[in-house]
Amino acid sequence: MAKPPSEFVQSLLELMEPIGPVTSRRMFGGYGLYLDGLMIALVADDELYFKIDEETKPRFSAAGCEPFTYEKQGKAMQMSYWKASEDVFDDPEAMAEWGKLAYGAALRQKK
């Protein structure tokens, strides 16, 4: 039987309901968050990171967000996921806006 998502991930799924049926999958000790089969965010150590691309990167950078990084063979590796701004946890409209940006980035990457 699959382990249910963490309490933090469950709260994120509820917060993201306005953008659509977001689901979660366990991966690499964290979770991937998916909308329409596309990964729009990841959760690591109870931190939320949204999918970005070259089009959305300036918005995340201007908001003071930083990229998700991990260490591989002694080197810092960066992924195309950036930490969510703190306001998304208190403002449903902000969560929807940032979630839609992440979904757009995922759609563009798919093409």
N, C-alpha and C. Protein backbone atom coordinates (compact mmCIF):
# COMPACT_ATOMS: atom_id res chain seq x y z
N MET A 1 0.84 -1.19 0.00
CA MET A 1 0.00 0.00 0.00
C MET A 1 0.88 1.24 0.00
N ALA A 2 0.56 2.19 -0.86
CA ALA A 2 1.35 3.41 -0.99
C ALA A 2 1.20 4.29 0.25
N LYS A 3 2.30 4.88 0.63
CA LYS A 3 2.30 5.80 1.77
C LYS A 3 1.61 7.11 1.35
N PRO A 4 0.69 7.62 2.18
CA PRO A 4 0.00 8.87 1.81
C PRO A 4 0.99 10.04 1.82
N PRO A 5 0.66 11.10 1.08
CA PRO A 5 1.54 12.28 1.07
C PRO A 5 1.69 12.87 2.47
N SER A 6 2.80 13.56 2.66
CA SER A 6 3.02 14.22 3.94
C SER A 6 1.94 15.27 4.19
N GLU A 7 1.82 15.70 5.42
CA GLU A 7 0.85 16.73 5.77
C GLU A 7 1.11 18.02 4.97
N PHE A 8 2.39 18.36 4.81
CA PHE A 8 2.76 19.56 4.05
C PHE A 8 2.28 19.42 2.60
N VAL A 9 2.55 18.28 1.98
CA VAL A 9 2.14 18.06 0.60
C VAL A 9 0.62 18.07 0.49
N GLN A 10 -0.08 17.47 1.42
CA GLN A 10 -1.54 17.49 1.39
C GLN A 10 -2.06 18.93 1.45
N SER A 11 -1.43 19.77 2.27
CA SER A 11 -1.86 21.17 2.35
C SER A 11 -1.60 21.89 1.03
N LEU A 12 -0.49 21.56 0.36
CA LEU A 12 -0.19 22.18 -0.94
C LEU A 12 -1.22 21.78 -1.98
N LEU A 13 -1.60 20.52 -1.97
CA LEU A 13 -2.61 20.05 -2.94
C LEU A 13 -3.92 20.81 -2.75
N GLU A 14 -4.30 21.08 -1.52
CA GLU A 14 -5.51 21.85 -1.26
C GLU A 14 -5.35 23.29 -1.72
N LEU A 15 -4.18 23.89 -1.44
CA LEU A 15 -3.93 25.27 -1.84
C LEU A 15 -3.93 25.43 -3.36
N MET A 16 -3.55 24.38 -4.07
CA MET A 16 -3.45 24.45 -5.53
C MET A 16 -4.74 24.06 -6.25
N GLU A 17 -5.77 23.68 -5.51
CA GLU A 17 -7.03 23.28 -6.14
C GLU A 17 -7.56 24.27 -7.17
N PRO A 18 -7.41 25.60 -6.95
CA PRO A 18 -7.95 26.54 -7.95
C PRO A 18 -7.33 26.42 -9.34
N ILE A 19 -6.13 25.85 -9.46
CA ILE A 19 -5.53 25.74 -10.81
C ILE A 19 -5.87 24.41 -11.47
N GLY A 20 -6.46 23.49 -10.72
CA GLY A 20 -6.83 22.21 -11.30
C GLY A 20 -6.52 21.07 -10.35
N PRO A 21 -6.76 19.85 -10.80
CA PRO A 21 -6.53 18.68 -9.95
C PRO A 21 -5.05 18.31 -9.87
N VAL A 22 -4.34 18.95 -8.96
CA VAL A 22 -2.90 18.68 -8.77
C VAL A 22 -2.77 17.41 -7.94
N THR A 23 -1.87 16.54 -8.37
CA THR A 23 -1.62 15.28 -7.66
C THR A 23 -0.15 15.23 -7.26
N SER A 24 0.18 14.29 -6.38
CA SER A 24 1.56 14.16 -5.93
C SER A 24 2.06 12.73 -6.14
N ARG A 25 3.37 12.63 -6.34
CA ARG A 25 4.04 11.33 -6.42
C ARG A 25 5.34 11.44 -5.65
N ARG A 26 5.63 10.38 -4.89
CA ARG A 26 6.90 10.35 -4.16
C ARG A 26 8.04 10.18 -5.16
N MET A 27 9.14 10.88 -4.89
CA MET A 27 10.32 10.74 -5.72
C MET A 27 11.56 11.23 -4.98
N PHE A 28 12.60 10.46 -5.01
CA PHE A 28 13.90 10.84 -4.46
C PHE A 28 13.82 11.44 -3.06
N GLY A 29 13.01 10.88 -2.20
CA GLY A 29 12.89 11.40 -0.84
C GLY A 29 11.99 12.61 -0.72
N GLY A 30 11.43 13.06 -1.82
CA GLY A 30 10.53 14.21 -1.82
C GLY A 30 9.27 13.86 -2.59
N TYR A 31 8.68 14.85 -3.22
CA TYR A 31 7.47 14.66 -3.99
C TYR A 31 7.52 15.50 -5.26
N GLY A 32 6.91 14.99 -6.31
CA GLY A 32 6.64 15.76 -7.50
C GLY A 32 5.16 16.12 -7.48
N LEU A 33 4.83 17.35 -7.87
CA LEU A 33 3.43 17.78 -7.96
C LEU A 33 3.09 17.92 -9.43
N TYR A 34 1.98 17.33 -9.82
CA TYR A 34 1.62 17.21 -11.23
C TYR A 34 0.24 17.80 -11.52
N LEU A 35 0.15 18.42 -12.70
CA LEU A 35 -1.12 18.90 -13.22
C LEU A 35 -1.20 18.43 -14.66
N ASP A 36 -2.27 17.74 -15.01
CA ASP A 36 -2.45 17.20 -16.36
C ASP A 36 -1.25 16.35 -16.80
N GLY A 37 -0.67 15.61 -15.87
CA GLY A 37 0.45 14.73 -16.18
C GLY A 37 1.79 15.42 -16.29
N LEU A 38 1.83 16.73 -16.08
CA LEU A 38 3.09 17.49 -16.16
C LEU A 38 3.55 17.89 -14.78
N MET A 39 4.83 17.70 -14.51
CA MET A 39 5.37 18.08 -13.20
C MET A 39 5.53 19.60 -13.15
N ILE A 40 4.80 20.22 -12.23
CA ILE A 40 4.83 21.68 -12.12
C ILE A 40 5.59 22.15 -10.89
N ALA A 41 5.86 21.23 -9.97
CA ALA A 41 6.57 21.63 -8.75
C ALA A 41 7.19 20.40 -8.11
N LEU A 42 8.16 20.66 -7.25
CA LEU A 42 8.70 19.59 -6.44
C LEU A 42 8.76 20.05 -4.99
N VAL A 43 8.72 19.08 -4.11
CA VAL A 43 8.79 19.35 -2.68
C VAL A 43 9.97 18.56 -2.14
N ALA A 44 10.89 19.27 -1.50
CA ALA A 44 12.06 18.64 -0.88
C ALA A 44 12.25 19.28 0.49
N ASP A 45 12.38 18.45 1.51
CA ASP A 45 12.57 18.95 2.88
C ASP A 45 11.51 19.98 3.26
N ASP A 46 10.27 19.68 2.90
CA ASP A 46 9.13 20.57 3.19
C ASP A 46 9.33 21.98 2.66
N GLU A 47 9.95 22.07 1.51
CA GLU A 47 10.08 23.33 0.76
C GLU A 47 9.45 23.11 -0.60
N LEU A 48 8.74 24.12 -1.10
CA LEU A 48 8.07 24.05 -2.39
C LEU A 48 8.90 24.77 -3.44
N TYR A 49 9.10 24.10 -4.57
CA TYR A 49 9.85 24.66 -5.69
C TYR A 49 8.99 24.53 -6.95
N PHE A 50 8.76 25.66 -7.64
CA PHE A 50 7.96 25.65 -8.86
C PHE A 50 8.84 25.47 -10.10
N LYS A 51 8.28 24.85 -11.12
CA LYS A 51 8.93 24.70 -12.42
C LYS A 51 9.10 26.07 -13.05
N ILE A 52 10.28 26.32 -13.62
CA ILE A 52 10.53 27.59 -14.32
C ILE A 52 11.11 27.29 -15.70
N ASP A 53 11.15 28.30 -16.54
CA ASP A 53 11.86 28.25 -17.81
C ASP A 53 12.41 29.64 -18.07
N GLU A 54 12.99 29.85 -19.22
CA GLU A 54 13.60 31.16 -19.51
C GLU A 54 12.57 32.28 -19.49
N GLU A 55 11.33 31.97 -19.83
CA GLU A 55 10.27 32.99 -19.84
C GLU A 55 9.88 33.42 -18.42
N THR A 56 9.84 32.48 -17.49
CA THR A 56 9.39 32.79 -16.13
C THR A 56 10.53 33.06 -15.14
N LYS A 57 11.73 32.70 -15.50
CA LYS A 57 12.88 32.87 -14.60
C LYS A 57 13.02 34.31 -14.08
N PRO A 58 12.86 35.34 -14.92
CA PRO A 58 12.98 36.71 -14.41
C PRO A 58 11.98 37.03 -13.29
N ARG A 59 10.75 36.51 -13.38
CA ARG A 59 9.74 36.76 -12.33
C ARG A 59 10.17 36.14 -11.01
N PHE A 60 10.69 34.92 -11.07
CA PHE A 60 11.13 34.23 -9.86
C PHE A 60 12.35 34.94 -9.27
N SER A 61 13.26 35.34 -10.12
CA SER A 61 14.46 36.04 -9.66
C SER A 61 14.10 37.37 -9.02
N ALA A 62 13.19 38.12 -9.65
CA ALA A 62 12.78 39.42 -9.12
C ALA A 62 12.08 39.28 -7.76
N ALA A 63 11.44 38.13 -7.53
CA ALA A 63 10.74 37.90 -6.27
C ALA A 63 11.69 37.39 -5.18
N GLY A 64 12.97 37.26 -5.52
CA GLY A 64 13.94 36.80 -4.54
C GLY A 64 13.99 35.29 -4.36
N CYS A 65 13.37 34.56 -5.27
CA CYS A 65 13.37 33.10 -5.20
C CYS A 65 14.73 32.57 -5.66
N GLU A 66 15.06 31.38 -5.21
CA GLU A 66 16.34 30.77 -5.57
C GLU A 66 16.12 29.38 -6.12
N PRO A 67 17.06 28.92 -6.96
CA PRO A 67 16.89 27.60 -7.57
C PRO A 67 17.09 26.45 -6.60
N PHE A 68 16.44 25.34 -6.92
CA PHE A 68 16.66 24.10 -6.20
C PHE A 68 18.00 23.54 -6.65
N THR A 69 18.84 23.21 -5.71
CA THR A 69 20.14 22.62 -6.02
C THR A 69 20.33 21.36 -5.19
N TYR A 70 21.13 20.47 -5.70
CA TYR A 70 21.51 19.27 -4.97
C TYR A 70 22.96 18.96 -5.32
N GLU A 71 23.58 18.12 -4.54
CA GLU A 71 24.98 17.80 -4.77
C GLU A 71 25.10 16.45 -5.45
N LYS A 72 25.91 16.41 -6.51
CA LYS A 72 26.17 15.17 -7.24
C LYS A 72 27.67 15.08 -7.50
N GLN A 73 28.28 14.05 -6.96
CA GLN A 73 29.71 13.83 -7.11
C GLN A 73 30.51 15.07 -6.73
N GLY A 74 30.11 15.70 -5.63
CA GLY A 74 30.83 16.84 -5.10
C GLY A 74 30.54 18.17 -5.80
N LYS A 75 29.63 18.17 -6.76
CA LYS A 75 29.31 19.40 -7.48
C LYS A 75 27.86 19.80 -7.22
N ALA A 76 27.63 21.10 -7.11
CA ALA A 76 26.26 21.60 -6.95
C ALA A 76 25.57 21.56 -8.30
N MET A 77 24.44 20.88 -8.34
CA MET A 77 23.65 20.77 -9.56
C MET A 77 22.37 21.59 -9.39
N GLN A 78 21.99 22.28 -10.45
CA GLN A 78 20.81 23.13 -10.40
C GLN A 78 19.74 22.55 -11.32
N MET A 79 18.50 22.60 -10.86
CA MET A 79 17.38 22.12 -11.68
C MET A 79 16.50 23.31 -12.06
N SER A 80 15.55 23.06 -12.94
CA SER A 80 14.67 24.14 -13.40
C SER A 80 13.45 24.28 -12.49
N TYR A 81 13.70 24.24 -11.19
CA TYR A 81 12.68 24.46 -10.17
C TYR A 81 13.23 25.49 -9.19
N TRP A 82 12.43 26.51 -8.89
CA TRP A 82 12.85 27.58 -7.99
C TRP A 82 11.91 27.64 -6.80
N LYS A 83 12.50 27.97 -5.66
CA LYS A 83 11.74 28.02 -4.41
C LYS A 83 10.58 29.01 -4.51
N ALA A 84 9.47 28.61 -3.96
CA ALA A 84 8.27 29.44 -3.98
C ALA A 84 8.43 30.64 -3.06
N SER A 85 7.86 31.74 -3.46
CA SER A 85 7.80 32.93 -2.63
C SER A 85 6.93 32.63 -1.42
N GLU A 86 7.28 33.20 -0.27
CA GLU A 86 6.54 32.93 0.97
C GLU A 86 5.08 33.33 0.90
N ASP A 87 4.74 34.31 0.06
CA ASP A 87 3.35 34.78 0.01
C ASP A 87 2.37 33.74 -0.51
N VAL A 88 2.85 32.71 -1.21
CA VAL A 88 1.93 31.72 -1.76
C VAL A 88 1.22 30.91 -0.68
N PHE A 89 1.81 30.84 0.50
CA PHE A 89 1.22 30.04 1.57
C PHE A 89 0.10 30.78 2.31
N ASP A 90 0.06 32.12 2.16
CA ASP A 90 -0.95 32.93 2.84
C ASP A 90 -1.97 33.54 1.89
N ASP A 91 -1.71 33.46 0.60
CA ASP A 91 -2.54 34.14 -0.39
C ASP A 91 -2.93 33.17 -1.50
N PRO A 92 -4.17 32.68 -1.49
CA PRO A 92 -4.59 31.72 -2.52
C PRO A 92 -4.43 32.25 -3.95
N GLU A 93 -4.62 33.55 -4.14
CA GLU A 93 -4.46 34.13 -5.47
C GLU A 93 -3.00 34.06 -5.91
N ALA A 94 -2.08 34.29 -4.98
CA ALA A 94 -0.65 34.19 -5.30
C ALA A 94 -0.28 32.75 -5.64
N MET A 95 -0.82 31.79 -4.87
CA MET A 95 -0.54 30.38 -5.17
C MET A 95 -1.03 30.04 -6.57
N ALA A 96 -2.23 30.49 -6.91
CA ALA A 96 -2.78 30.21 -8.24
C ALA A 96 -1.92 30.85 -9.32
N GLU A 97 -1.49 32.08 -9.11
CA GLU A 97 -0.67 32.79 -10.10
C GLU A 97 0.65 32.07 -10.33
N TRP A 98 1.37 31.74 -9.26
CA TRP A 98 2.67 31.07 -9.39
C TRP A 98 2.49 29.66 -9.93
N GLY A 99 1.42 28.98 -9.52
CA GLY A 99 1.15 27.64 -10.04
C GLY A 99 0.88 27.66 -11.54
N LYS A 100 0.16 28.67 -12.01
CA LYS A 100 -0.10 28.80 -13.44
C LYS A 100 1.18 29.11 -14.21
N LEU A 101 2.07 29.90 -13.63
CA LEU A 101 3.36 30.16 -14.27
C LEU A 101 4.15 28.86 -14.42
N ALA A 102 4.13 28.04 -13.36
CA ALA A 102 4.84 26.77 -13.40
C ALA A 102 4.23 25.82 -14.43
N TYR A 103 2.90 25.81 -14.51
CA TYR A 103 2.22 24.96 -15.49
C TYR A 103 2.58 25.41 -16.91
N GLY A 104 2.60 26.71 -17.13
CA GLY A 104 2.99 27.24 -18.45
C GLY A 104 4.41 26.82 -18.82
N ALA A 105 5.33 26.88 -17.86
CA ALA A 105 6.72 26.46 -18.10
C ALA A 105 6.76 24.97 -18.45
N ALA A 106 5.98 24.16 -17.74
CA ALA A 106 5.94 22.73 -18.01
C ALA A 106 5.37 22.45 -19.42
N LEU A 107 4.34 23.20 -19.79
CA LEU A 107 3.76 23.03 -21.13
C LEU A 107 4.77 23.40 -22.22
N ARG A 108 5.49 24.49 -22.03
CA ARG A 108 6.48 24.92 -23.02
C ARG A 108 7.60 23.90 -23.12
N GLN A 109 8.01 23.32 -22.01
CA GLN A 109 9.08 22.32 -22.03
C GLN A 109 8.63 21.07 -22.77
N LYS A 110 7.36 20.72 -22.63
CA LYS A 110 6.82 19.53 -23.29
C LYS A 110 6.93 19.65 -24.81
N LYS A 111 6.73 20.87 -25.31
CA LYS A 111 6.79 21.10 -26.76
C LYS A 111 8.21 21.00 -27.19
